[in-house]
Amino acid sequence: MTQAATETRSVVVEREISHPPEKLWRALTQPHLIEEWLMKNDFQPVVGHGFKLRGEWGGVLDCEVLTVEPNRTLAYTWNFANDDPAYALRSVVTFTLTPTSTGTHLRMEQAGFRPDQKQAFGGAHAGWKSFFGNLDQVLERMDRRRPVAIERRFP
């Protein structure tokens, strides 16, 4: 391991989700659903695809898809350019989905915070908890969005 790798910290959030991995995967990879729980985006689940996440605060994150293993692992860069080095962030977000008897164990790791990025690190802790609260709501709404068949009667 390089010295640079040992000098960074990670935010890790683990959750038990009462939905199957396939459903969670859709929420993690479909742009209209990502927008509902995370940010506006032009995401595509294709390795090498560059995309932007646009925050409500006006910030833009430059990202690139690194890993796509459907229903198992998704990873992408999460980079924020800023003139202040304490806020300029180059990190990697990895979602790992593990099926359980009641749904899915979700592990999210955002790796790459330098020691001088205490505020960004703390903000990420709070931010991911909020994002996952939104994700729970999106997953619940997905159940209610199933199309309803319209019965047509012809004379």
Protein backbone atom coordinates (compact mmCIF):
# COMPACT_ATOMS: atom_id res chain seq x y z
CA MET A 1 0.00 0.00 0.00
CA THR A 2 1.35 3.44 -0.86
CA GLN A 3 1.81 6.13 1.72
CA ALA A 4 -0.81 8.27 -0.06
CA ALA A 5 -3.38 5.49 0.29
CA THR A 6 -2.77 5.23 4.05
CA GLU A 7 -3.22 9.00 4.44
CA THR A 8 -6.83 9.06 3.27
CA ARG A 9 -10.03 8.28 5.10
CA SER A 10 -13.34 6.81 3.99
CA VAL A 11 -16.97 7.39 4.83
CA VAL A 12 -18.72 4.02 5.13
CA VAL A 13 -22.47 3.62 5.49
CA GLU A 14 -24.10 0.19 5.75
CA ARG A 15 -27.83 -0.38 5.60
CA GLU A 16 -30.25 -3.28 5.55
CA ILE A 17 -32.73 -2.60 2.75
CA SER A 18 -36.02 -4.52 2.65
CA HIS A 19 -35.98 -4.75 -1.14
CA PRO A 20 -34.21 -7.20 -3.46
CA PRO A 21 -30.86 -6.25 -5.05
CA GLU A 22 -32.48 -5.90 -8.49
CA LYS A 23 -34.80 -3.14 -7.28
CA LEU A 24 -32.03 -1.35 -5.39
CA TRP A 25 -29.82 -1.61 -8.49
CA ARG A 26 -32.46 0.22 -10.55
CA ALA A 27 -32.53 3.05 -8.00
CA LEU A 28 -28.72 3.26 -8.14
CA THR A 29 -28.44 3.19 -11.94
CA GLN A 30 -31.50 4.80 -13.54
CA PRO A 31 -30.93 8.55 -13.99
CA HIS A 32 -34.50 9.64 -13.17
CA LEU A 33 -34.38 7.63 -9.92
CA ILE A 34 -30.86 8.83 -9.04
CA GLU A 35 -32.15 12.39 -9.38
CA GLU A 36 -34.90 11.67 -6.85
CA TRP A 37 -32.59 10.44 -4.09
CA LEU A 38 -29.16 11.91 -4.91
CA MET A 39 -28.76 14.67 -7.52
CA LYS A 40 -29.52 15.69 -11.08
CA ASN A 41 -27.27 13.67 -13.38
CA ASP A 42 -26.49 12.29 -16.80
CA PHE A 43 -25.45 8.87 -15.49
CA GLN A 44 -25.21 5.73 -17.62
CA PRO A 45 -24.15 2.37 -16.10
CA VAL A 46 -21.27 1.93 -18.56
CA VAL A 47 -17.64 1.64 -17.46
CA GLY A 48 -15.73 4.70 -18.64
CA HIS A 49 -18.83 6.90 -18.95
CA GLY A 50 -18.15 10.42 -17.68
CA PHE A 51 -21.09 12.15 -16.03
CA LYS A 52 -21.99 15.08 -13.80
CA LEU A 53 -23.89 15.20 -10.56
CA ARG A 54 -25.46 18.63 -10.01
CA GLY A 55 -26.18 19.55 -6.41
CA GLU A 56 -28.99 21.81 -5.23
CA TRP A 57 -26.29 24.10 -3.76
CA GLY A 58 -25.05 24.84 -7.30
CA GLY A 59 -21.99 22.60 -7.15
CA VAL A 60 -21.10 20.15 -9.90
CA LEU A 61 -19.30 16.86 -9.32
CA ASP A 62 -17.27 15.35 -12.14
CA CYS A 63 -17.63 11.58 -12.16
CA GLU A 64 -16.60 8.55 -14.19
CA VAL A 65 -18.01 5.04 -13.93
CA LEU A 66 -15.31 2.59 -12.82
CA THR A 67 -17.17 -0.67 -12.06
CA VAL A 68 -20.54 -2.08 -13.11
CA GLU A 69 -21.46 -5.57 -11.88
CA PRO A 70 -25.27 -5.61 -12.15
CA ASN A 71 -27.07 -6.15 -8.85
CA ARG A 72 -23.70 -6.44 -7.04
CA THR A 73 -21.21 -3.57 -7.37
CA LEU A 74 -21.20 -0.04 -8.73
CA ALA A 75 -18.25 2.34 -8.41
CA TYR A 76 -17.54 5.79 -9.78
CA THR A 77 -15.27 8.72 -9.15
CA TRP A 78 -16.71 11.62 -7.18
CA ASN A 79 -14.57 14.68 -7.84
CA PHE A 80 -15.21 18.25 -6.82
CA ALA A 81 -12.95 21.01 -8.11
CA ASN A 82 -12.41 23.94 -5.75
CA ASP A 83 -9.73 26.61 -5.40
CA ASP A 84 -9.50 25.80 -1.68
CA PRO A 85 -7.58 22.50 -1.30
CA ALA A 86 -9.59 21.68 1.83
CA TYR A 87 -12.69 21.39 -0.37
CA ALA A 88 -11.19 20.06 -3.62
CA LEU A 89 -12.07 16.39 -3.49
CA ARG A 90 -10.96 13.40 -5.54
CA SER A 91 -12.73 10.33 -4.24
CA VAL A 92 -14.32 7.04 -5.29
CA VAL A 93 -17.81 5.94 -4.27
CA THR A 94 -18.46 2.18 -4.23
CA PHE A 95 -21.85 0.58 -3.65
CA THR A 96 -21.81 -3.12 -2.75
CA LEU A 97 -25.11 -5.04 -2.72
CA THR A 98 -25.36 -8.38 -0.93
CA PRO A 99 -28.62 -10.38 -1.01
CA THR A 100 -30.06 -11.29 2.38
CA SER A 101 -33.06 -13.31 3.51
CA THR A 102 -35.00 -10.06 4.01
CA GLY A 103 -33.72 -8.00 1.06
CA THR A 104 -30.28 -6.49 0.54
CA HIS A 105 -27.32 -5.43 2.63
CA LEU A 106 -26.06 -2.17 1.10
CA ARG A 107 -22.54 -0.96 1.79
CA MET A 108 -21.44 2.43 0.48
CA GLU A 109 -17.86 3.61 0.80
CA GLN A 110 -16.61 7.01 -0.29
CA ALA A 111 -12.82 6.76 -0.18
CA GLY A 112 -10.20 9.44 -0.66
CA PHE A 113 -10.61 12.12 2.02
CA ARG A 114 -7.28 13.68 3.00
CA PRO A 115 -6.59 14.54 6.66
CA ASP A 116 -6.99 18.28 5.92
CA GLN A 117 -10.54 17.72 4.63
CA LYS A 118 -12.27 17.43 7.99
CA GLN A 119 -15.22 19.59 6.96
CA ALA A 120 -15.73 17.72 3.67
CA PHE A 121 -15.43 14.40 5.54
CA GLY A 122 -18.02 15.48 8.11
CA GLY A 123 -20.28 16.84 5.38
CA ALA A 124 -20.11 13.53 3.53
CA HIS A 125 -21.12 11.64 6.70
CA ALA A 126 -24.21 13.81 7.08
CA GLY A 127 -24.90 13.95 3.35
CA TRP A 128 -24.93 10.20 2.78
CA LYS A 129 -27.30 9.66 5.71
CA SER A 130 -29.67 12.17 4.13
CA PHE A 131 -29.24 10.65 0.66
CA PHE A 132 -30.05 7.19 2.00
CA GLY A 133 -33.17 8.52 3.72
CA ASN A 134 -34.22 9.80 0.29
CA LEU A 135 -33.31 6.44 -1.27
CA ASP A 136 -35.61 4.62 1.16
CA GLN A 137 -38.48 6.87 0.07
CA VAL A 138 -37.72 6.32 -3.63
CA LEU A 139 -37.70 2.55 -3.16
CA GLU A 140 -41.10 2.71 -1.46
CA ARG A 141 -42.53 4.92 -4.23
CA MET A 142 -41.22 2.54 -6.90
CA ASP A 143 -43.73 -0.04 -5.62
CA ARG A 144 -46.60 2.38 -6.12
CA ARG A 145 -45.55 3.42 -9.63
CA ARG A 146 -46.49 0.24 -11.41
CA PRO A 147 -48.62 1.06 -14.43
CA VAL A 148 -52.30 0.46 -14.07
CA ALA A 149 -54.06 -1.27 -16.93
CA ILE A 150 -56.75 0.86 -18.48
CA GLU A 151 -59.81 -1.02 -19.53
CA ARG A 152 -61.30 0.13 -22.81
CA ARG A 153 -64.76 -0.78 -23.85
CA PHE A 154 -65.76 -0.55 -27.44
CA PRO A 155 -69.43 -0.22 -28.50
